[in-house]
C-alpha cells in the first residue's frame, strides 16, 4: 500500500527541485497578491471591497446563474491550463509558465486578502469556503501541470542543444496525459465553483456574516 502511495506521489510530483521551485513561485504569488491589496490607494481599496460585498449580496439573494458561472469558470480554467501546456513545448515558454503560476498565486492571495479586508475575522469562514474545494483543485492542477511543463522544456532543451538521447515521444505522451488529467480536475473544480460554492457561501452568510 505504501509503495503504491509513493509511486502515485512520484508520478504527480516527479522532481523534487522543480516541485519546490514551482511551489515557491506560487507561494510568492500569494504573498505578493496579499501585499498588493495593502498598498492600493483608498479609492481602489473601496472598489475592491464593493465588488466583494456585491458578490456576497448576489450569493445571498440567489441571483447567481450557476449555468453561466460554470461556463465562464470552465473556459477560464481550460484556457489557463492549455496555455501552460502549450508554452511548455517551447524553450522560452518556461518563463511564461513561471509567470502564469505566479499570477495564479497572486490572484488567490489578492482575493483572500480582499475578503479579510471586507469582513475582518468573520471572513475566515468565507475564505475557507472560497478556497475549498475548487481553488484547491485549481492550484493542484496548476502545480502538477506547471511541474511537468518545466520538465518537458528542460528535456526539450537537452534534446536540441545537448544532444542527449531523450525519448521525446514518451515525454510528450506523458505530458499530454497530465494535461488531460488537469482538464478532468478543472471540470470538477468548475462544477464545484458554480453549484457547490454558492450553497456553502449562502450558509456562511446566513450564520456568520
C-alpha atoms as a PDB file:
ATOM      1  CA  UNK A   1       0.000   0.000   0.000  1.00  0.00           C
ATOM      2  CA  UNK A   2       2.813   2.384   0.945  1.00  0.00           C
ATOM      3  CA  UNK A   3       4.610   1.533  -2.294  1.00  0.00           C
ATOM      4  CA  UNK A   4       1.512   2.432  -4.311  1.00  0.00           C
ATOM      5  CA  UNK A   5       1.140   5.742  -2.475  1.00  0.00           C
ATOM      6  CA  UNK A   6       4.829   6.500  -3.037  1.00  0.00           C
ATOM      7  CA  UNK A   7       4.530   5.633  -6.715  1.00  0.00           C
ATOM      8  CA  UNK A   8       1.484   7.869  -7.152  1.00  0.00           C
ATOM      9  CA  UNK A   9       3.297  10.694  -5.350  1.00  0.00           C
ATOM     10  CA  UNK A  10       6.327  10.236  -7.608  1.00  0.00           C
ATOM     11  CA  UNK A  11       4.110  10.422 -10.692  1.00  0.00           C
ATOM     12  CA  UNK A  12       2.319  13.553  -9.531  1.00  0.00           C
ATOM     13  CA  UNK A  13       5.430  15.286  -8.165  1.00  0.00           C
ATOM     14  CA  UNK A  14       8.299  13.665 -10.083  1.00  0.00           C
ATOM     15  CA  UNK A  15      11.213  16.060  -9.479  1.00  0.00           C
ATOM     16  CA  UNK A  16      11.951  17.475  -6.014  1.00  0.00           C
ATOM     17  CA  UNK A  17      13.892  20.529  -7.202  1.00  0.00           C
ATOM     18  CA  UNK A  18      11.232  21.510  -9.743  1.00  0.00           C
ATOM     19  CA  UNK A  19       8.478  20.688  -7.227  1.00  0.00           C
ATOM     20  CA  UNK A  20       9.933  23.129  -4.690  1.00  0.00           C
ATOM     21  CA  UNK A  21      10.646  25.716  -7.371  1.00  0.00           C
ATOM     22  CA  UNK A  22       7.061  25.742  -8.689  1.00  0.00           C
ATOM     23  CA  UNK A  23       5.619  25.720  -5.156  1.00  0.00           C
ATOM     24  CA  UNK A  24       7.872  28.625  -4.179  1.00  0.00           C
ATOM     25  CA  UNK A  25       6.733  30.660  -7.198  1.00  0.00           C
ATOM     26  CA  UNK A  26       3.109  30.008  -6.273  1.00  0.00           C
ATOM     27  CA  UNK A  27       3.646  30.994  -2.625  1.00  0.00           C
ATOM     28  CA  UNK A  28       5.459  34.167  -3.675  1.00  0.00           C
ATOM     29  CA  UNK A  29       2.448  34.981  -5.836  1.00  0.00           C
ATOM     30  CA  UNK A  30       0.047  34.502  -2.908  1.00  0.00           C
ATOM     31  CA  UNK A  31       2.181  36.723  -0.664  1.00  0.00           C
ATOM     32  CA  UNK A  32       2.524  39.381  -3.360  1.00  0.00           C
ATOM     33  CA  UNK A  33      -1.221  39.398  -4.005  1.00  0.00           C
ATOM     34  CA  UNK A  34      -1.935  39.874  -0.312  1.00  0.00           C
ATOM     35  CA  UNK A  35       0.575  42.713  -0.021  1.00  0.00           C
ATOM     36  CA  UNK A  36      -0.655  44.387  -3.204  1.00  0.00           C
ATOM     37  CA  UNK A  37      -4.088  44.995  -1.675  1.00  0.00           C
ATOM     38  CA  UNK A  38      -2.460  46.800   1.251  1.00  0.00           C
ATOM     39  CA  UNK A  39      -0.588  49.258  -0.976  1.00  0.00           C
ATOM     40  CA  UNK A  40      -3.613  50.218  -3.078  1.00  0.00           C
ATOM     41  CA  UNK A  41      -4.935  53.729  -2.592  1.00  0.00           C
ATOM     42  CA  UNK A  42      -8.172  54.229  -0.663  1.00  0.00           C
ATOM     43  CA  UNK A  43     -10.299  54.574  -3.817  1.00  0.00           C
ATOM     44  CA  UNK A  44      -9.084  51.297  -5.305  1.00  0.00           C
ATOM     45  CA  UNK A  45      -9.496  49.529  -1.965  1.00  0.00           C
ATOM     46  CA  UNK A  46     -13.071  50.830  -1.743  1.00  0.00           C
ATOM     47  CA  UNK A  47     -13.781  49.495  -5.236  1.00  0.00           C
ATOM     48  CA  UNK A  48     -12.391  46.060  -4.337  1.00  0.00           C
ATOM     49  CA  UNK A  49     -14.415  45.918  -1.111  1.00  0.00           C
ATOM     50  CA  UNK A  50     -17.526  46.989  -3.011  1.00  0.00           C
ATOM     51  CA  UNK A  51     -17.030  44.159  -5.523  1.00  0.00           C
ATOM     52  CA  UNK A  52     -16.588  41.617  -2.721  1.00  0.00           C
ATOM     53  CA  UNK A  53     -19.733  42.856  -0.964  1.00  0.00           C
ATOM     54  CA  UNK A  54     -21.695  42.726  -4.233  1.00  0.00           C
ATOM     55  CA  UNK A  55     -20.555  39.132  -4.740  1.00  0.00           C
ATOM     56  CA  UNK A  56     -21.787  38.112  -1.283  1.00  0.00           C
ATOM     57  CA  UNK A  57     -25.057  40.008  -1.800  1.00  0.00           C
ATOM     58  CA  UNK A  58     -25.607  38.202  -5.114  1.00  0.00           C
ATOM     59  CA  UNK A  59     -24.922  34.864  -3.461  1.00  0.00           C
ATOM     60  CA  UNK A  60     -27.288  35.660  -0.590  1.00  0.00           C
ATOM     61  CA  UNK A  61     -30.057  36.737  -2.950  1.00  0.00           C
ATOM     62  CA  UNK A  62     -29.576  33.647  -5.155  1.00  0.00           C
ATOM     63  CA  UNK A  63     -29.092  35.867  -8.188  1.00  0.00           C
ATOM     64  CA  UNK A  64     -26.098  33.914  -9.488  1.00  0.00           C
ATOM     65  CA  UNK A  65     -26.697  31.974 -12.696  1.00  0.00           C
ATOM     66  CA  UNK A  66     -24.963  28.664 -11.969  1.00  0.00           C
ATOM     67  CA  UNK A  67     -25.022  27.551 -15.604  1.00  0.00           C
ATOM     68  CA  UNK A  68     -23.357  30.747 -16.765  1.00  0.00           C
ATOM     69  CA  UNK A  69     -20.934  30.616 -13.831  1.00  0.00           C
ATOM     70  CA  UNK A  70     -19.921  27.079 -14.821  1.00  0.00           C
ATOM     71  CA  UNK A  71     -19.427  28.099 -18.454  1.00  0.00           C
ATOM     72  CA  UNK A  72     -17.248  31.076 -17.532  1.00  0.00           C
ATOM     73  CA  UNK A  73     -15.271  29.063 -14.994  1.00  0.00           C
ATOM     74  CA  UNK A  74     -14.541  26.120 -17.290  1.00  0.00           C
ATOM     75  CA  UNK A  75     -13.499  28.416 -20.138  1.00  0.00           C
ATOM     76  CA  UNK A  76     -11.143  30.334 -17.864  1.00  0.00           C
ATOM     77  CA  UNK A  77      -9.647  27.174 -16.373  1.00  0.00           C
ATOM     78  CA  UNK A  78      -9.212  25.419 -19.709  1.00  0.00           C
ATOM     79  CA  UNK A  79      -7.605  28.453 -21.338  1.00  0.00           C
ATOM     80  CA  UNK A  80      -5.208  28.775 -18.406  1.00  0.00           C
ATOM     81  CA  UNK A  81      -4.019  25.164 -18.330  1.00  0.00           C
ATOM     82  CA  UNK A  82      -3.930  24.946 -22.138  1.00  0.00           C
ATOM     83  CA  UNK A  83      -1.622  27.966 -22.267  1.00  0.00           C
ATOM     84  CA  UNK A  84       0.675  26.326 -19.712  1.00  0.00           C
ATOM     85  CA  UNK A  85       0.660  23.076 -21.702  1.00  0.00           C
ATOM     86  CA  UNK A  86       1.445  24.840 -24.990  1.00  0.00           C
ATOM     87  CA  UNK A  87       4.125  27.109 -23.518  1.00  0.00           C
ATOM     88  CA  UNK A  88       5.789  24.035 -22.020  1.00  0.00           C
ATOM     89  CA  UNK A  89       6.533  22.782 -25.528  1.00  0.00           C
ATOM     90  CA  UNK A  90       8.831  25.716 -26.324  1.00  0.00           C
ATOM     91  CA  UNK A  91      12.173  26.785 -24.901  1.00  0.00           C
ATOM     92  CA  UNK A  92      11.094  30.316 -23.948  1.00  0.00           C
ATOM     93  CA  UNK A  93       7.775  29.004 -22.651  1.00  0.00           C
ATOM     94  CA  UNK A  94       9.329  28.240 -19.276  1.00  0.00           C
ATOM     95  CA  UNK A  95       9.412  31.963 -18.469  1.00  0.00           C
ATOM     96  CA  UNK A  96       5.782  32.412 -19.481  1.00  0.00           C
ATOM     97  CA  UNK A  97       4.719  29.433 -17.383  1.00  0.00           C
ATOM     98  CA  UNK A  98       6.576  30.739 -14.341  1.00  0.00           C
ATOM     99  CA  UNK A  99       4.638  33.978 -14.781  1.00  0.00           C
ATOM    100  CA  UNK A 100       1.293  32.142 -15.121  1.00  0.00           C
ATOM    101  CA  UNK A 101       1.985  30.116 -11.963  1.00  0.00           C
ATOM    102  CA  UNK A 102       2.950  33.303 -10.122  1.00  0.00           C
ATOM    103  CA  UNK A 103      -0.171  35.073 -11.441  1.00  0.00           C
ATOM    104  CA  UNK A 104      -2.416  32.272 -10.191  1.00  0.00           C
ATOM    105  CA  UNK A 105      -0.953  32.639  -6.712  1.00  0.00           C
ATOM    106  CA  UNK A 106      -1.176  36.436  -6.916  1.00  0.00           C
ATOM    107  CA  UNK A 107      -4.890  36.389  -7.754  1.00  0.00           C
ATOM    108  CA  UNK A 108      -5.591  33.877  -4.991  1.00  0.00           C
ATOM    109  CA  UNK A 109      -3.683  35.934  -2.418  1.00  0.00           C
ATOM    110  CA  UNK A 110      -5.406  39.122  -3.531  1.00  0.00           C
ATOM    111  CA  UNK A 111      -8.868  37.536  -3.269  1.00  0.00           C
ATOM    112  CA  UNK A 112      -8.192  36.130   0.201  1.00  0.00           C
ATOM    113  CA  UNK A 113      -6.826  39.458   1.441  1.00  0.00           C
ATOM    114  CA  UNK A 114      -9.844  41.282  -0.026  1.00  0.00           C
ATOM    115  CA  UNK A 115     -12.304  39.042   1.848  1.00  0.00           C
ATOM    116  CA  UNK A 116     -10.432  39.609   5.103  1.00  0.00           C
ATOM    117  CA  UNK A 117     -10.301  43.347   4.442  1.00  0.00           C
ATOM    118  CA  UNK A 118     -14.038  43.406   3.856  1.00  0.00           C
ATOM    119  CA  UNK A 119     -15.259  41.196   6.723  1.00  0.00           C
ATOM    120  CA  UNK A 120     -12.353  41.017   9.177  1.00  0.00           C
ATOM    121  CA  UNK A 121     -12.202  37.987  11.449  1.00  0.00           C
ATOM    122  CA  UNK A 122     -15.684  36.915  10.319  1.00  0.00           C
ATOM    123  CA  UNK A 123     -14.264  36.474   6.829  1.00  0.00           C
ATOM    124  CA  UNK A 124     -12.229  33.422   7.875  1.00  0.00           C
ATOM    125  CA  UNK A 125     -15.079  31.034   7.122  1.00  0.00           C
ATOM    126  CA  UNK A 126     -15.754  32.869   3.877  1.00  0.00           C
ATOM    127  CA  UNK A 127     -12.119  32.392   2.882  1.00  0.00           C
ATOM    128  CA  UNK A 128     -12.205  28.702   3.795  1.00  0.00           C
ATOM    129  CA  UNK A 129     -15.334  28.124   1.724  1.00  0.00           C
ATOM    130  CA  UNK A 130     -13.857  30.198  -1.118  1.00  0.00           C
ATOM    131  CA  UNK A 131     -10.728  28.034  -1.144  1.00  0.00           C
ATOM    132  CA  UNK A 132     -12.242  24.574  -0.582  1.00  0.00           C
ATOM    133  CA  UNK A 133     -12.611  22.712  -2.757  1.00  0.00           C
ATOM    134  CA  UNK A 134     -12.487  24.482  -6.126  1.00  0.00           C
ATOM    135  CA  UNK A 135      -9.457  26.721  -5.536  1.00  0.00           C
ATOM    136  CA  UNK A 136      -7.508  23.802  -4.073  1.00  0.00           C
ATOM    137  CA  UNK A 137      -8.305  21.768  -7.191  1.00  0.00           C
ATOM    138  CA  UNK A 138      -7.262  24.685  -9.409  1.00  0.00           C
ATOM    139  CA  UNK A 139      -3.988  25.111  -7.534  1.00  0.00           C
ATOM    140  CA  UNK A 140      -3.339  21.371  -7.702  1.00  0.00           C
ATOM    141  CA  UNK A 141      -3.850  21.263 -11.471  1.00  0.00           C
ATOM    142  CA  UNK A 142      -1.650  24.347 -11.985  1.00  0.00           C
ATOM    143  CA  UNK A 143       1.101  22.885  -9.806  1.00  0.00           C
ATOM    144  CA  UNK A 144       1.222  19.469 -11.444  1.00  0.00           C
ATOM    145  CA  UNK A 145       0.982  20.816 -14.990  1.00  0.00           C
ATOM    146  CA  UNK A 146       3.500  23.552 -14.171  1.00  0.00           C
ATOM    147  CA  UNK A 147       5.974  20.959 -12.894  1.00  0.00           C
ATOM    148  CA  UNK A 148       5.607  18.778 -15.971  1.00  0.00           C
ATOM    149  CA  UNK A 149       5.768  21.752 -18.338  1.00  0.00           C
ATOM    150  CA  UNK A 150       9.119  22.822 -16.889  1.00  0.00           C
ATOM    151  CA  UNK A 151      10.398  19.242 -17.006  1.00  0.00           C
ATOM    152  CA  UNK A 152       9.330  18.944 -20.640  1.00  0.00           C
ATOM    153  CA  UNK A 153      11.014  22.241 -21.552  1.00  0.00           C
ATOM    154  CA  UNK A 154      14.262  21.122 -19.891  1.00  0.00           C
ATOM    155  CA  UNK A 155      14.166  17.769 -21.713  1.00  0.00           C
ATOM    156  CA  UNK A 156      13.458  19.574 -24.973  1.00  0.00           C
ATOM    157  CA  UNK A 157      16.420  21.896 -24.396  1.00  0.00           C
ATOM    158  CA  UNK A 158      18.701  18.929 -23.680  1.00  0.00           C
ATOM    159  CA  UNK A 159      17.460  17.114 -26.770  1.00  0.00           C
ATOM    160  CA  UNK A 160      18.000  20.114 -29.060  1.00  0.00           C
ATOM    161  CA  UNK A 161      21.267  21.536 -27.734  1.00  0.00           C
ATOM    162  CA  UNK A 162      22.988  18.906 -25.596  1.00  0.00           C
ATOM    163  CA  UNK A 163      22.151  16.039 -27.938  1.00  0.00           C
ATOM    164  CA  UNK A 164      21.001  13.902 -25.041  1.00  0.00           C
ATOM    165  CA  UNK A 165      19.115  10.802 -26.074  1.00  0.00           C
ATOM    166  CA  UNK A 166      15.810  11.846 -24.524  1.00  0.00           C
ATOM    167  CA  UNK A 167      12.787   9.911 -25.690  1.00  0.00           C
ATOM    168  CA  UNK A 168      10.694  12.949 -26.581  1.00  0.00           C
ATOM    169  CA  UNK A 169       7.805  10.870 -27.881  1.00  0.00           C
ATOM    170  CA  UNK A 170       7.315   9.208 -24.495  1.00  0.00           C
ATOM    171  CA  UNK A 171       7.807  12.537 -22.747  1.00  0.00           C
ATOM    172  CA  UNK A 172       5.158  14.163 -24.935  1.00  0.00           C
ATOM    173  CA  UNK A 173       2.786  11.263 -24.299  1.00  0.00           C
ATOM    174  CA  UNK A 174       3.221  11.570 -20.527  1.00  0.00           C
ATOM    175  CA  UNK A 175       2.942  15.360 -20.713  1.00  0.00           C
ATOM    176  CA  UNK A 176      -0.298  15.077 -22.703  1.00  0.00           C
ATOM    177  CA  UNK A 177      -1.754  12.561 -20.231  1.00  0.00           C
ATOM    178  CA  UNK A 178      -1.054  15.022 -17.406  1.00  0.00           C
ATOM    179  CA  UNK A 179      -2.751  17.734 -19.465  1.00  0.00           C
ATOM    180  CA  UNK A 180      -5.874  15.582 -19.906  1.00  0.00           C
ATOM    181  CA  UNK A 181      -5.824  14.790 -16.191  1.00  0.00           C
ATOM    182  CA  UNK A 182      -5.766  18.502 -15.328  1.00  0.00           C
ATOM    183  CA  UNK A 183      -8.701  19.069 -17.700  1.00  0.00           C
ATOM    184  CA  UNK A 184     -10.662  16.498 -15.687  1.00  0.00           C
ATOM    185  CA  UNK A 185      -9.675  18.233 -12.426  1.00  0.00           C
ATOM    186  CA  UNK A 186     -10.683  21.601 -13.911  1.00  0.00           C
ATOM    187  CA  UNK A 187     -14.137  20.301 -14.824  1.00  0.00           C
ATOM    188  CA  UNK A 188     -14.683  19.102 -11.245  1.00  0.00           C
ATOM    189  CA  UNK A 189     -13.376  22.438  -9.958  1.00  0.00           C
ATOM    190  CA  UNK A 190     -15.736  24.428 -12.199  1.00  0.00           C
ATOM    191  CA  UNK A 191     -18.730  22.311 -11.178  1.00  0.00           C
ATOM    192  CA  UNK A 192     -17.841  22.891  -7.555  1.00  0.00           C
ATOM    193  CA  UNK A 193     -17.425  26.631  -8.081  1.00  0.00           C
ATOM    194  CA  UNK A 194     -20.697  27.018  -9.975  1.00  0.00           C
ATOM    195  CA  UNK A 195     -23.004  24.764  -7.957  1.00  0.00           C
ATOM    196  CA  UNK A 196     -21.442  23.973  -4.574  1.00  0.00           C
ATOM    197  CA  UNK A 197     -19.741  27.277  -3.710  1.00  0.00           C
ATOM    198  CA  UNK A 198     -22.952  29.407  -3.802  1.00  0.00           C
ATOM    199  CA  UNK A 199     -24.719  26.945  -1.470  1.00  0.00           C
ATOM    200  CA  UNK A 200     -21.878  26.918   1.047  1.00  0.00           C
ATOM    201  CA  UNK A 201     -21.419  30.685   0.807  1.00  0.00           C
ATOM    202  CA  UNK A 202     -25.129  31.247   1.433  1.00  0.00           C
ATOM    203  CA  UNK A 203     -24.957  29.141   4.600  1.00  0.00           C
ATOM    204  CA  UNK A 204     -21.914  31.066   5.838  1.00  0.00           C
ATOM    205  CA  UNK A 205     -23.560  34.419   5.096  1.00  0.00           C
ATOM    206  CA  UNK A 206     -26.767  33.478   6.920  1.00  0.00           C
ATOM    207  CA  UNK A 207     -24.986  32.158  10.007  1.00  0.00           C
ATOM    208  CA  UNK A 208     -21.867  34.258  10.419  1.00  0.00           C
ATOM    209  CA  UNK A 209     -21.674  37.338   8.166  1.00  0.00           C
END
